[in-house]
Amino acid sequence: MKRFLNRQWMLGMVCGLTLALLSGCVEGEVTGLAPTPMELSEQTEESLKELWENEDFLALWDSEDYARALENEELVRLWEEGDEEKLFENEEYVKLFNNEHFIKLRENEKFAHLWKSGAEDVASDLSESEEDVSADFLPLSALAISVCPPIIDEKLVFNQSSNAIKLTNRTDTKVITLHHTVGTYTTAKKLHDAHKKNKNADKKYWPGIAYHFFINKSGKVYKGREWLQNAGSTDNDAINKTSLAIAFDGDFENKILLIFKPVMSDAQRNAGIALIKCARNRYSSIKSLNKHKDVDNTKCPGQFFPFNEIKQATGPWG
């Protein structure tokens, strides 16, 4: 097993992972010590996907040590300031550092490779940063992206003609609303094209996909609307203006062949859980998780949708 070159590199790695676990980020947008956008190499993107499939990383993400650290305001402040010495004086940080899964990650060769390759990719993107980011902290930028599941951007084009509903931005984000698609679409682009054919009560066309994210049955996450845009996924205007909408591919209401209950795949469910956690890290104002039928006269997301399981895995909720 390869060892890291020196103590400073190790400290940088440790601070990087834990800060990354607390940072809200997606598609290369990172908060923390390296705020600039990044384009990662295909090799690094593949390594990030492997990390997200790593059992120790998932266990660390769901651990009580991480949950306590996330709620510790003093620890969060130290992370933001990058104060290495004081971090190790913090009891919750030490518990997280000594978490058995964290130890295994630090000893994992693939993890070490990810860290090094990520640092190389990120280095060229820090030139415009206003902050002085030392080489010891470069790796946190690459790993931070792994906090959110990989998100596929199909560069959807929305209809903004005079006969289409105008896209607008939210002023607040309070809730995440979950949906099922009923039909099977496999990609956001196919659902986007279908939604563009719909009209509202005023005979105006939908601009495109009504959701911010679409998760297919194999667990791939696709970008729909922009993070800050209003949803178009419910008939409740107040909810659309304060909600992030996530759609799960498939029909979770009707039995297959009128006999078999539909069951969400582990990959799809886990991707949804990861995405919800990612959104909560990004928006601390989110306080509740809703089913579509909580706010509309609908059966969506279906009687067999694993809502309680997903809610429990992403809680606590207010």
C-alpha atoms as a PDB file:
ATOM      1  CA  MET A   1       0.000   0.000   0.000  1.00  0.00           C
ATOM      2  CA  LYS A   2       1.223   3.448  -0.939  1.00  0.00           C
ATOM      3  CA  ARG A   3       1.718   5.983   1.838  1.00  0.00           C
ATOM      4  CA  PHE A   4       1.200   9.703   1.622  1.00  0.00           C
ATOM      5  CA  LEU A   5       4.357  11.773   1.388  1.00  0.00           C
ATOM      6  CA  ASN A   6       4.079  13.770   4.589  1.00  0.00           C
ATOM      7  CA  ARG A   7       1.886  14.807   7.496  1.00  0.00           C
ATOM      8  CA  GLN A   8       0.747  17.983   5.784  1.00  0.00           C
ATOM      9  CA  TRP A   9      -0.558  15.997   2.821  1.00  0.00           C
ATOM     10  CA  MET A  10      -2.447  13.729   5.220  1.00  0.00           C
ATOM     11  CA  LEU A  11      -3.906  16.709   7.074  1.00  0.00           C
ATOM     12  CA  GLY A  12      -4.912  18.244   3.792  1.00  0.00           C
ATOM     13  CA  MET A  13      -6.602  15.029   2.787  1.00  0.00           C
ATOM     14  CA  VAL A  14      -8.434  14.689   6.085  1.00  0.00           C
ATOM     15  CA  CYS A  15      -9.616  18.282   6.091  1.00  0.00           C
ATOM     16  CA  GLY A  16     -10.506  17.903   2.444  1.00  0.00           C
ATOM     17  CA  LEU A  17     -12.703  14.868   2.877  1.00  0.00           C
ATOM     18  CA  THR A  18     -14.569  16.204   5.867  1.00  0.00           C
ATOM     19  CA  LEU A  19     -15.059  19.636   4.371  1.00  0.00           C
ATOM     20  CA  ALA A  20     -16.197  17.966   1.192  1.00  0.00           C
ATOM     21  CA  LEU A  21     -18.728  15.940   3.138  1.00  0.00           C
ATOM     22  CA  LEU A  22     -20.204  19.174   4.464  1.00  0.00           C
ATOM     23  CA  SER A  23     -20.043  21.175   1.233  1.00  0.00           C
ATOM     24  CA  GLY A  24     -23.027  21.517  -1.083  1.00  0.00           C
ATOM     25  CA  CYS A  25     -21.929  20.821  -4.632  1.00  0.00           C
ATOM     26  CA  VAL A  26     -22.945  19.432  -7.971  1.00  0.00           C
ATOM     27  CA  GLU A  27     -21.673  19.385 -11.539  1.00  0.00           C
ATOM     28  CA  GLY A  28     -18.327  20.877 -10.583  1.00  0.00           C
ATOM     29  CA  GLU A  29     -19.751  23.708  -8.460  1.00  0.00           C
ATOM     30  CA  VAL A  30     -17.948  23.593  -5.122  1.00  0.00           C
ATOM     31  CA  THR A  31     -18.218  25.588  -1.915  1.00  0.00           C
ATOM     32  CA  GLY A  32     -15.403  25.833   0.595  1.00  0.00           C
ATOM     33  CA  LEU A  33     -11.731  26.609   0.109  1.00  0.00           C
ATOM     34  CA  ALA A  34     -11.790  26.252  -3.680  1.00  0.00           C
ATOM     35  CA  PRO A  35     -14.842  28.067  -5.008  1.00  0.00           C
ATOM     36  CA  THR A  36     -14.091  27.999  -8.716  1.00  0.00           C
ATOM     37  CA  PRO A  37     -15.905  25.720 -11.215  1.00  0.00           C
ATOM     38  CA  MET A  38     -13.997  22.719 -12.523  1.00  0.00           C
ATOM     39  CA  GLU A  39     -13.950  20.350 -15.447  1.00  0.00           C
ATOM     40  CA  LEU A  40     -12.593  16.974 -14.414  1.00  0.00           C
ATOM     41  CA  SER A  41     -10.853  14.467 -16.635  1.00  0.00           C
ATOM     42  CA  GLU A  42     -12.704  11.316 -17.664  1.00  0.00           C
ATOM     43  CA  GLN A  43     -10.341   9.323 -15.449  1.00  0.00           C
ATOM     44  CA  THR A  44     -11.199  11.409 -12.410  1.00  0.00           C
ATOM     45  CA  GLU A  45     -14.930  11.296 -13.161  1.00  0.00           C
ATOM     46  CA  GLU A  46     -14.733   7.506 -13.310  1.00  0.00           C
ATOM     47  CA  SER A  47     -12.822   7.457 -10.020  1.00  0.00           C
ATOM     48  CA  LEU A  48     -15.487   9.625  -8.406  1.00  0.00           C
ATOM     49  CA  LYS A  49     -18.157   7.198  -9.550  1.00  0.00           C
ATOM     50  CA  GLU A  50     -16.167   4.340  -8.034  1.00  0.00           C
ATOM     51  CA  LEU A  51     -15.875   6.259  -4.786  1.00  0.00           C
ATOM     52  CA  TRP A  52     -19.633   6.816  -4.672  1.00  0.00           C
ATOM     53  CA  GLU A  53     -20.054   3.027  -4.990  1.00  0.00           C
ATOM     54  CA  ASN A  54     -17.544   2.442  -2.169  1.00  0.00           C
ATOM     55  CA  GLU A  55     -19.278   0.838   0.836  1.00  0.00           C
ATOM     56  CA  ASP A  56     -17.032   2.600   3.331  1.00  0.00           C
ATOM     57  CA  PHE A  57     -17.770   5.996   1.798  1.00  0.00           C
ATOM     58  CA  LEU A  58     -21.538   5.324   1.900  1.00  0.00           C
ATOM     59  CA  ALA A  59     -21.277   4.065   5.484  1.00  0.00           C
ATOM     60  CA  LEU A  60     -19.314   7.153   6.498  1.00  0.00           C
ATOM     61  CA  TRP A  61     -21.879   9.378   4.779  1.00  0.00           C
ATOM     62  CA  ASP A  62     -24.705   7.738   6.780  1.00  0.00           C
ATOM     63  CA  SER A  63     -22.805   7.518  10.075  1.00  0.00           C
ATOM     64  CA  GLU A  64     -23.793   9.179  13.335  1.00  0.00           C
ATOM     65  CA  ASP A  65     -20.302  10.698  13.478  1.00  0.00           C
ATOM     66  CA  TYR A  66     -20.984  12.587  10.245  1.00  0.00           C
ATOM     67  CA  ALA A  67     -24.481  13.614  11.368  1.00  0.00           C
ATOM     68  CA  ARG A  68     -23.138  15.037  14.637  1.00  0.00           C
ATOM     69  CA  ALA A  69     -20.329  16.835  12.847  1.00  0.00           C
ATOM     70  CA  LEU A  70     -22.794  18.407  10.447  1.00  0.00           C
ATOM     71  CA  GLU A  71     -24.787  19.849  13.350  1.00  0.00           C
ATOM     72  CA  ASN A  72     -21.728  21.201  15.202  1.00  0.00           C
ATOM     73  CA  GLU A  73     -21.594  24.929  14.433  1.00  0.00           C
ATOM     74  CA  GLU A  74     -18.103  25.376  15.894  1.00  0.00           C
ATOM     75  CA  LEU A  75     -16.776  22.528  13.756  1.00  0.00           C
ATOM     76  CA  VAL A  76     -18.366  23.936  10.609  1.00  0.00           C
ATOM     77  CA  ARG A  77     -16.726  27.298  11.347  1.00  0.00           C
ATOM     78  CA  LEU A  78     -13.308  25.637  11.724  1.00  0.00           C
ATOM     79  CA  TRP A  79     -13.814  23.801   8.435  1.00  0.00           C
ATOM     80  CA  GLU A  80     -14.626  27.049   6.681  1.00  0.00           C
ATOM     81  CA  GLU A  81     -11.550  28.713   8.159  1.00  0.00           C
ATOM     82  CA  GLY A  82      -9.342  25.704   7.330  1.00  0.00           C
ATOM     83  CA  ASP A  83      -7.813  25.722  10.822  1.00  0.00           C
ATOM     84  CA  GLU A  84      -6.099  22.305  10.913  1.00  0.00           C
ATOM     85  CA  GLU A  85      -4.759  22.456  14.474  1.00  0.00           C
ATOM     86  CA  LYS A  86      -8.045  23.498  16.045  1.00  0.00           C
ATOM     87  CA  LEU A  87      -9.917  20.924  13.992  1.00  0.00           C
ATOM     88  CA  PHE A  88      -8.045  18.184  15.809  1.00  0.00           C
ATOM     89  CA  GLU A  89      -8.956  19.795  19.128  1.00  0.00           C
ATOM     90  CA  ASN A  90     -12.644  19.414  18.288  1.00  0.00           C
ATOM     91  CA  GLU A  91     -14.217  16.304  19.806  1.00  0.00           C
ATOM     92  CA  GLU A  92     -16.662  15.675  16.962  1.00  0.00           C
ATOM     93  CA  TYR A  93     -13.912  16.052  14.374  1.00  0.00           C
ATOM     94  CA  VAL A  94     -11.735  13.517  16.187  1.00  0.00           C
ATOM     95  CA  LYS A  95     -14.638  11.057  16.304  1.00  0.00           C
ATOM     96  CA  LEU A  96     -15.177  11.473  12.569  1.00  0.00           C
ATOM     97  CA  PHE A  97     -11.449  11.129  11.923  1.00  0.00           C
ATOM     98  CA  ASN A  98     -11.364   7.885  13.935  1.00  0.00           C
ATOM     99  CA  ASN A  99     -14.467   6.454  12.272  1.00  0.00           C
ATOM    100  CA  GLU A 100     -13.558   2.948  11.049  1.00  0.00           C
ATOM    101  CA  HIS A 101     -14.861   3.706   7.556  1.00  0.00           C
ATOM    102  CA  PHE A 102     -12.855   6.923   7.380  1.00  0.00           C
ATOM    103  CA  ILE A 103      -9.736   4.962   8.332  1.00  0.00           C
ATOM    104  CA  LYS A 104     -10.404   2.411   5.591  1.00  0.00           C
ATOM    105  CA  LEU A 105     -10.854   5.193   3.047  1.00  0.00           C
ATOM    106  CA  ARG A 106      -7.534   6.749   4.000  1.00  0.00           C
ATOM    107  CA  GLU A 107      -5.838   3.383   3.503  1.00  0.00           C
ATOM    108  CA  ASN A 108      -7.504   2.631   0.172  1.00  0.00           C
ATOM    109  CA  GLU A 109      -5.190   2.824  -2.870  1.00  0.00           C
ATOM    110  CA  LYS A 110      -8.036   3.816  -5.189  1.00  0.00           C
ATOM    111  CA  PHE A 111      -8.872   6.616  -2.810  1.00  0.00           C
ATOM    112  CA  ALA A 112      -5.264   7.806  -2.851  1.00  0.00           C
ATOM    113  CA  HIS A 113      -5.271   7.699  -6.654  1.00  0.00           C
ATOM    114  CA  LEU A 114      -8.479   9.724  -6.779  1.00  0.00           C
ATOM    115  CA  TRP A 115      -6.991  12.305  -4.479  1.00  0.00           C
ATOM    116  CA  LYS A 116      -3.854  12.729  -6.583  1.00  0.00           C
ATOM    117  CA  SER A 117      -5.626  12.754  -9.945  1.00  0.00           C
ATOM    118  CA  GLY A 118      -8.217  15.154  -8.576  1.00  0.00           C
ATOM    119  CA  ALA A 119      -5.532  17.535  -7.335  1.00  0.00           C
ATOM    120  CA  GLU A 120      -3.933  17.613 -10.776  1.00  0.00           C
ATOM    121  CA  ASP A 121      -7.259  18.356 -12.458  1.00  0.00           C
ATOM    122  CA  VAL A 122      -8.188  21.078  -9.996  1.00  0.00           C
ATOM    123  CA  ALA A 123      -4.824  22.836  -9.910  1.00  0.00           C
ATOM    124  CA  SER A 124      -5.228  24.583 -13.265  1.00  0.00           C
ATOM    125  CA  ASP A 125      -8.667  25.888 -12.300  1.00  0.00           C
ATOM    126  CA  LEU A 126      -7.566  27.759  -9.174  1.00  0.00           C
ATOM    127  CA  SER A 127      -5.711  30.555 -10.948  1.00  0.00           C
ATOM    128  CA  GLU A 128      -8.732  32.882 -10.830  1.00  0.00           C
ATOM    129  CA  SER A 129      -9.594  32.099  -7.235  1.00  0.00           C
ATOM    130  CA  GLU A 130      -9.437  35.064  -4.886  1.00  0.00           C
ATOM    131  CA  GLU A 131      -8.347  32.812  -2.039  1.00  0.00           C
ATOM    132  CA  ASP A 132      -4.867  31.473  -1.444  1.00  0.00           C
ATOM    133  CA  VAL A 133      -5.362  27.722  -1.663  1.00  0.00           C
ATOM    134  CA  SER A 134      -2.246  25.704  -0.861  1.00  0.00           C
ATOM    135  CA  ALA A 135      -1.370  22.407  -2.530  1.00  0.00           C
ATOM    136  CA  ASP A 136      -2.307  20.635   0.704  1.00  0.00           C
ATOM    137  CA  PHE A 137      -5.933  21.585   0.179  1.00  0.00           C
ATOM    138  CA  LEU A 138      -6.244  21.011  -3.563  1.00  0.00           C
ATOM    139  CA  PRO A 139      -7.673  17.505  -3.159  1.00  0.00           C
ATOM    140  CA  LEU A 140     -10.751  18.693  -1.295  1.00  0.00           C
ATOM    141  CA  SER A 141     -12.073  20.265  -4.499  1.00  0.00           C
ATOM    142  CA  ALA A 142     -12.070  16.998  -6.397  1.00  0.00           C
ATOM    143  CA  LEU A 143     -13.594  14.956  -3.604  1.00  0.00           C
ATOM    144  CA  ALA A 144     -16.243  17.531  -2.867  1.00  0.00           C
ATOM    145  CA  ILE A 145     -17.958  16.635  -6.131  1.00  0.00           C
ATOM    146  CA  SER A 146     -18.490  13.106  -4.874  1.00  0.00           C
ATOM    147  CA  VAL A 147     -20.814  14.377  -2.138  1.00  0.00           C
ATOM    148  CA  CYS A 148     -23.512  14.504  -4.822  1.00  0.00           C
ATOM    149  CA  PRO A 149     -24.152  11.600  -7.152  1.00  0.00           C
ATOM    150  CA  PRO A 150     -22.905  12.104 -10.742  1.00  0.00           C
ATOM    151  CA  ILE A 151     -25.456  14.241 -12.615  1.00  0.00           C
ATOM    152  CA  ILE A 152     -25.866  13.922 -16.376  1.00  0.00           C
ATOM    153  CA  ASP A 153     -26.501  17.203 -18.197  1.00  0.00           C
ATOM    154  CA  GLU A 154     -28.129  16.644 -21.592  1.00  0.00           C
ATOM    155  CA  LYS A 155     -28.168  20.404 -22.307  1.00  0.00           C
ATOM    156  CA  LEU A 156     -31.952  20.529 -22.581  1.00  0.00           C
ATOM    157  CA  VAL A 157     -33.438  23.380 -24.620  1.00  0.00           C
ATOM    158  CA  PHE A 158     -36.602  24.848 -23.122  1.00  0.00           C
ATOM    159  CA  ASN A 159     -39.450  26.396 -25.080  1.00  0.00           C
ATOM    160  CA  GLN A 160     -39.587  30.101 -24.193  1.00  0.00           C
ATOM    161  CA  SER A 161     -41.677  31.263 -27.123  1.00  0.00           C
ATOM    162  CA  SER A 162     -44.689  33.546 -26.655  1.00  0.00           C
ATOM    163  CA  ASN A 163     -47.060  30.560 -26.493  1.00  0.00           C
ATOM    164  CA  ALA A 164     -45.112  28.795 -23.710  1.00  0.00           C
ATOM    165  CA  ILE A 165     -45.045  29.182 -19.926  1.00  0.00           C
ATOM    166  CA  LYS A 166     -42.133  31.391 -18.875  1.00  0.00           C
ATOM    167  CA  LEU A 167     -39.433  29.950 -16.658  1.00  0.00           C
ATOM    168  CA  THR A 168     -38.893  31.961 -13.469  1.00  0.00           C
ATOM    169  CA  ASN A 169     -36.613  31.657 -10.449  1.00  0.00           C
ATOM    170  CA  ARG A 170     -37.453  30.796  -6.845  1.00  0.00           C
ATOM    171  CA  THR A 171     -36.891  33.278  -4.066  1.00  0.00           C
ATOM    172  CA  ASP A 172     -36.933  30.578  -1.384  1.00  0.00           C
ATOM    173  CA  THR A 173     -36.373  26.822  -1.157  1.00  0.00           C
ATOM    174  CA  LYS A 174     -38.354  25.108   1.597  1.00  0.00           C
ATOM    175  CA  VAL A 175     -39.341  21.657   0.388  1.00  0.00           C
ATOM    176  CA  ILE A 176     -38.373  18.731  -1.830  1.00  0.00           C
ATOM    177  CA  THR A 177     -41.269  17.093  -3.679  1.00  0.00           C
ATOM    178  CA  LEU A 178     -41.004  13.537  -5.005  1.00  0.00           C
ATOM    179  CA  HIS A 179     -42.780  12.208  -8.103  1.00  0.00           C
ATOM    180  CA  HIS A 180     -43.012   9.163 -10.332  1.00  0.00           C
ATOM    181  CA  THR A 181     -43.253   9.463 -14.108  1.00  0.00           C
ATOM    182  CA  VAL A 182     -45.829   6.637 -14.595  1.00  0.00           C
ATOM    183  CA  GLY A 183     -44.360   5.933 -18.024  1.00  0.00           C
ATOM    184  CA  THR A 184     -40.781   4.762 -18.570  1.00  0.00           C
ATOM    185  CA  TYR A 185     -38.510   7.348 -20.193  1.00  0.00           C
ATOM    186  CA  THR A 186     -34.933   6.237 -19.279  1.00  0.00           C
ATOM    187  CA  THR A 187     -33.472   9.741 -19.871  1.00  0.00           C
ATOM    188  CA  ALA A 188     -34.487  13.282 -18.978  1.00  0.00           C
ATOM    189  CA  LYS A 189     -34.407  14.263 -22.666  1.00  0.00           C
ATOM    190  CA  LYS A 190     -37.211  11.829 -23.511  1.00  0.00           C
ATOM    191  CA  LEU A 191     -39.335  13.111 -20.632  1.00  0.00           C
ATOM    192  CA  HIS A 192     -38.454  16.689 -21.567  1.00  0.00           C
ATOM    193  CA  ASP A 193     -39.697  16.150 -25.120  1.00  0.00           C
ATOM    194  CA  ALA A 194     -42.926  14.612 -23.830  1.00  0.00           C
ATOM    195  CA  HIS A 195     -43.571  17.485 -21.408  1.00  0.00           C
ATOM    196  CA  LYS A 196     -43.065  20.089 -24.148  1.00  0.00           C
ATOM    197  CA  LYS A 197     -46.240  18.760 -25.801  1.00  0.00           C
ATOM    198  CA  ASN A 198     -48.372  19.466 -22.712  1.00  0.00           C
ATOM    199  CA  LYS A 199     -50.513  22.584 -22.269  1.00  0.00           C
ATOM    200  CA  ASN A 200     -51.789  24.284 -19.138  1.00  0.00           C
ATOM    201  CA  ALA A 201     -55.327  25.553 -18.483  1.00  0.00           C
ATOM    202  CA  ASP A 202     -54.499  28.760 -20.381  1.00  0.00           C
ATOM    203  CA  LYS A 203     -53.522  26.722 -23.463  1.00  0.00           C
ATOM    204  CA  LYS A 204     -49.859  27.579 -23.080  1.00  0.00           C
ATOM    205  CA  TYR A 205     -47.242  24.905 -23.694  1.00  0.00           C
ATOM    206  CA  TRP A 206     -45.039  23.650 -20.914  1.00  0.00           C
ATOM    207  CA  PRO A 207     -41.474  24.914 -21.454  1.00  0.00           C
ATOM    208  CA  GLY A 208     -40.104  21.398 -21.004  1.00  0.00           C
ATOM    209  CA  ILE A 209     -39.413  18.959 -18.194  1.00  0.00           C
ATOM    210  CA  ALA A 210     -41.276  19.967 -15.044  1.00  0.00           C
ATOM    211  CA  TYR A 211     -38.690  18.597 -12.610  1.00  0.00           C
ATOM    212  CA  HIS A 212     -35.255  19.664 -11.480  1.00  0.00           C
ATOM    213  CA  PHE A 213     -33.929  16.112 -11.572  1.00  0.00           C
ATOM    214  CA  PHE A 214     -34.874  12.789 -13.149  1.00  0.00           C
ATOM    215  CA  ILE A 215     -33.597   9.426 -11.841  1.00  0.00           C
ATOM    216  CA  ASN A 216     -33.915   6.399 -14.101  1.00  0.00           C
ATOM    217  CA  LYS A 217     -34.293   2.792 -12.994  1.00  0.00           C
ATOM    218  CA  SER A 218     -30.573   2.067 -13.175  1.00  0.00           C
ATOM    219  CA  GLY A 219     -29.839   4.937 -10.777  1.00  0.00           C
ATOM    220  CA  LYS A 220     -28.558   7.496 -13.277  1.00  0.00           C
ATOM    221  CA  VAL A 221     -29.373  11.067 -12.249  1.00  0.00           C
ATOM    222  CA  TYR A 222     -30.221  13.595 -14.973  1.00  0.00           C
ATOM    223  CA  LYS A 223     -30.456  17.355 -14.761  1.00  0.00           C
ATOM    224  CA  GLY A 224     -33.820  18.872 -15.619  1.00  0.00           C
ATOM    225  CA  ARG A 225     -34.493  22.484 -14.713  1.00  0.00           C
ATOM    226  CA  GLU A 226     -31.807  24.681 -13.199  1.00  0.00           C
ATOM    227  CA  TRP A 227     -31.398  24.524  -9.422  1.00  0.00           C
ATOM    228  CA  LEU A 228     -32.857  28.003  -8.883  1.00  0.00           C
ATOM    229  CA  GLN A 229     -35.776  27.796 -11.306  1.00  0.00           C
ATOM    230  CA  ASN A 230     -39.343  27.224 -10.136  1.00  0.00           C
ATOM    231  CA  ALA A 231     -40.702  23.728 -10.519  1.00  0.00           C
ATOM    232  CA  GLY A 232     -43.636  23.033 -12.826  1.00  0.00           C
ATOM    233  CA  SER A 233     -44.470  19.693 -11.327  1.00  0.00           C
ATOM    234  CA  THR A 234     -47.640  20.419  -9.323  1.00  0.00           C
ATOM    235  CA  ASP A 235     -50.885  22.372  -9.692  1.00  0.00           C
ATOM    236  CA  ASN A 236     -49.995  24.152  -6.453  1.00  0.00           C
ATOM    237  CA  ASP A 237     -48.280  27.382  -7.450  1.00  0.00           C
ATOM    238  CA  ALA A 238     -47.025  28.098  -3.930  1.00  0.00           C
ATOM    239  CA  ILE A 239     -45.272  24.714  -3.849  1.00  0.00           C
ATOM    240  CA  ASN A 240     -43.760  25.194  -7.307  1.00  0.00           C
ATOM    241  CA  LYS A 241     -42.231  28.478  -6.143  1.00  0.00           C
ATOM    242  CA  THR A 242     -40.563  26.979  -3.063  1.00  0.00           C
ATOM    243  CA  SER A 243     -39.849  23.397  -4.099  1.00  0.00           C
ATOM    244  CA  LEU A 244     -37.161  21.256  -5.663  1.00  0.00           C
ATOM    245  CA  ALA A 245     -38.840  18.524  -7.736  1.00  0.00           C
ATOM    246  CA  ILE A 246     -37.321  15.068  -8.211  1.00  0.00           C
ATOM    247  CA  ALA A 247     -38.908  12.499 -10.529  1.00  0.00           C
ATOM    248  CA  PHE A 248     -38.292   8.764 -10.356  1.00  0.00           C
ATOM    249  CA  ASP A 249     -38.715   6.864 -13.610  1.00  0.00           C
ATOM    250  CA  GLY A 250     -41.507   4.311 -13.538  1.00  0.00           C
ATOM    251  CA  ASP A 251     -45.007   3.558 -12.274  1.00  0.00           C
ATOM    252  CA  PHE A 252     -45.205   2.949  -8.525  1.00  0.00           C
ATOM    253  CA  GLU A 253     -48.997   3.023  -8.328  1.00  0.00           C
ATOM    254  CA  ASN A 254     -50.210   0.136 -10.467  1.00  0.00           C
ATOM    255  CA  LYS A 255     -49.355  -3.535 -10.104  1.00  0.00           C
ATOM    256  CA  ILE A 256     -47.481  -5.165 -12.961  1.00  0.00           C
ATOM    257  CA  LEU A 257     -49.870  -7.459 -14.861  1.00  0.00           C
ATOM    258  CA  LEU A 258     -52.344  -6.624 -12.072  1.00  0.00           C
ATOM    259  CA  ILE A 259     -50.434  -9.051  -9.814  1.00  0.00           C
ATOM    260  CA  PHE A 260     -46.915  -7.933  -8.937  1.00  0.00           C
ATOM    261  CA  LYS A 261     -46.148  -4.886  -6.854  1.00  0.00           C
ATOM    262  CA  PRO A 262     -43.591  -2.588  -8.512  1.00  0.00           C
ATOM    263  CA  VAL A 263     -40.345  -2.443  -6.548  1.00  0.00           C
ATOM    264  CA  MET A 264     -37.841   0.385  -6.893  1.00  0.00           C
ATOM    265  CA  SER A 265     -34.308  -0.820  -7.625  1.00  0.00           C
ATOM    266  CA  ASP A 266     -31.615  -0.306  -5.007  1.00  0.00           C
ATOM    267  CA  ALA A 267     -29.665   1.819  -7.498  1.00  0.00           C
ATOM    268  CA  GLN A 268     -32.597   4.163  -8.136  1.00  0.00           C
ATOM    269  CA  ARG A 269     -33.480   4.463  -4.452  1.00  0.00           C
ATOM    270  CA  ASN A 270     -29.875   5.066  -3.359  1.00  0.00           C
ATOM    271  CA  ALA A 271     -29.387   7.693  -6.066  1.00  0.00           C
ATOM    272  CA  GLY A 272     -32.506   9.460  -4.831  1.00  0.00           C
ATOM    273  CA  ILE A 273     -31.294   9.378  -1.238  1.00  0.00           C
ATOM    274  CA  ALA A 274     -27.908  10.764  -2.263  1.00  0.00           C
ATOM    275  CA  LEU A 275     -29.488  13.532  -4.334  1.00  0.00           C
ATOM    276  CA  ILE A 276     -31.808  14.586  -1.515  1.00  0.00           C
ATOM    277  CA  LYS A 277     -28.876  14.768   0.903  1.00  0.00           C
ATOM    278  CA  CYS A 278     -26.973  16.790  -1.675  1.00  0.00           C
ATOM    279  CA  ALA A 279     -29.887  19.229  -1.980  1.00  0.00           C
ATOM    280  CA  ARG A 280     -30.175  19.589   1.802  1.00  0.00           C
ATOM    281  CA  ASN A 281     -26.485  20.412   2.018  1.00  0.00           C
ATOM    282  CA  ARG A 282     -26.947  23.029  -0.683  1.00  0.00           C
ATOM    283  CA  TYR A 283     -30.094  24.581   0.838  1.00  0.00           C
ATOM    284  CA  SER A 284     -30.222  24.662   4.639  1.00  0.00           C
ATOM    285  CA  SER A 285     -33.681  26.247   4.280  1.00  0.00           C
ATOM    286  CA  ILE A 286     -35.215  22.912   3.184  1.00  0.00           C
ATOM    287  CA  LYS A 287     -37.308  21.641   6.069  1.00  0.00           C
ATOM    288  CA  SER A 288     -39.662  19.042   4.597  1.00  0.00           C
ATOM    289  CA  LEU A 289     -39.903  16.182   2.126  1.00  0.00           C
ATOM    290  CA  ASN A 290     -43.249  15.763   0.362  1.00  0.00           C
ATOM    291  CA  LYS A 291     -45.004  13.318  -1.891  1.00  0.00           C
ATOM    292  CA  HIS A 292     -46.709  15.008  -4.839  1.00  0.00           C
ATOM    293  CA  LYS A 293     -50.079  13.822  -3.515  1.00  0.00           C
ATOM    294  CA  ASP A 294     -49.470  15.762  -0.281  1.00  0.00           C
ATOM    295  CA  VAL A 295     -50.098  18.992  -2.195  1.00  0.00           C
ATOM    296  CA  ASP A 296     -52.296  17.940  -5.150  1.00  0.00           C
ATOM    297  CA  ASN A 297     -55.271  15.718  -5.898  1.00  0.00           C
ATOM    298  CA  THR A 298     -53.163  12.923  -7.367  1.00  0.00           C
ATOM    299  CA  LYS A 299     -51.869   9.453  -6.549  1.00  0.00           C
ATOM    300  CA  CYS A 300     -48.282  10.445  -7.427  1.00  0.00           C
ATOM    301  CA  PRO A 301     -45.707   9.087  -6.593  1.00  0.00           C
ATOM    302  CA  GLY A 302     -47.775   5.943  -6.110  1.00  0.00           C
ATOM    303  CA  GLN A 303     -48.861   3.632  -3.305  1.00  0.00           C
ATOM    304  CA  PHE A 304     -45.779   1.424  -3.750  1.00  0.00           C
ATOM    305  CA  PHE A 305     -43.268   4.273  -3.823  1.00  0.00           C
ATOM    306  CA  PRO A 306     -40.742   3.743  -0.945  1.00  0.00           C
ATOM    307  CA  PHE A 307     -41.324   7.214   0.489  1.00  0.00           C
ATOM    308  CA  ASN A 308     -40.968   6.342   4.174  1.00  0.00           C
ATOM    309  CA  GLU A 309     -37.707   4.507   3.532  1.00  0.00           C
ATOM    310  CA  ILE A 310     -36.285   7.441   1.587  1.00  0.00           C
ATOM    311  CA  LYS A 311     -37.487   9.945   4.176  1.00  0.00           C
ATOM    312  CA  GLN A 312     -35.942   8.010   7.029  1.00  0.00           C
ATOM    313  CA  ALA A 313     -32.629   7.686   5.178  1.00  0.00           C
ATOM    314  CA  THR A 314     -32.464  11.426   4.514  1.00  0.00           C
ATOM    315  CA  GLY A 315     -33.757  12.736   7.864  1.00  0.00           C
ATOM    316  CA  PRO A 316     -34.226  14.055  10.376  1.00  0.00           C
ATOM    317  CA  TRP A 317     -36.965  16.302   9.010  1.00  0.00           C
ATOM    318  CA  GLY A 318     -38.837  19.094  10.736  1.00  0.00           C
END
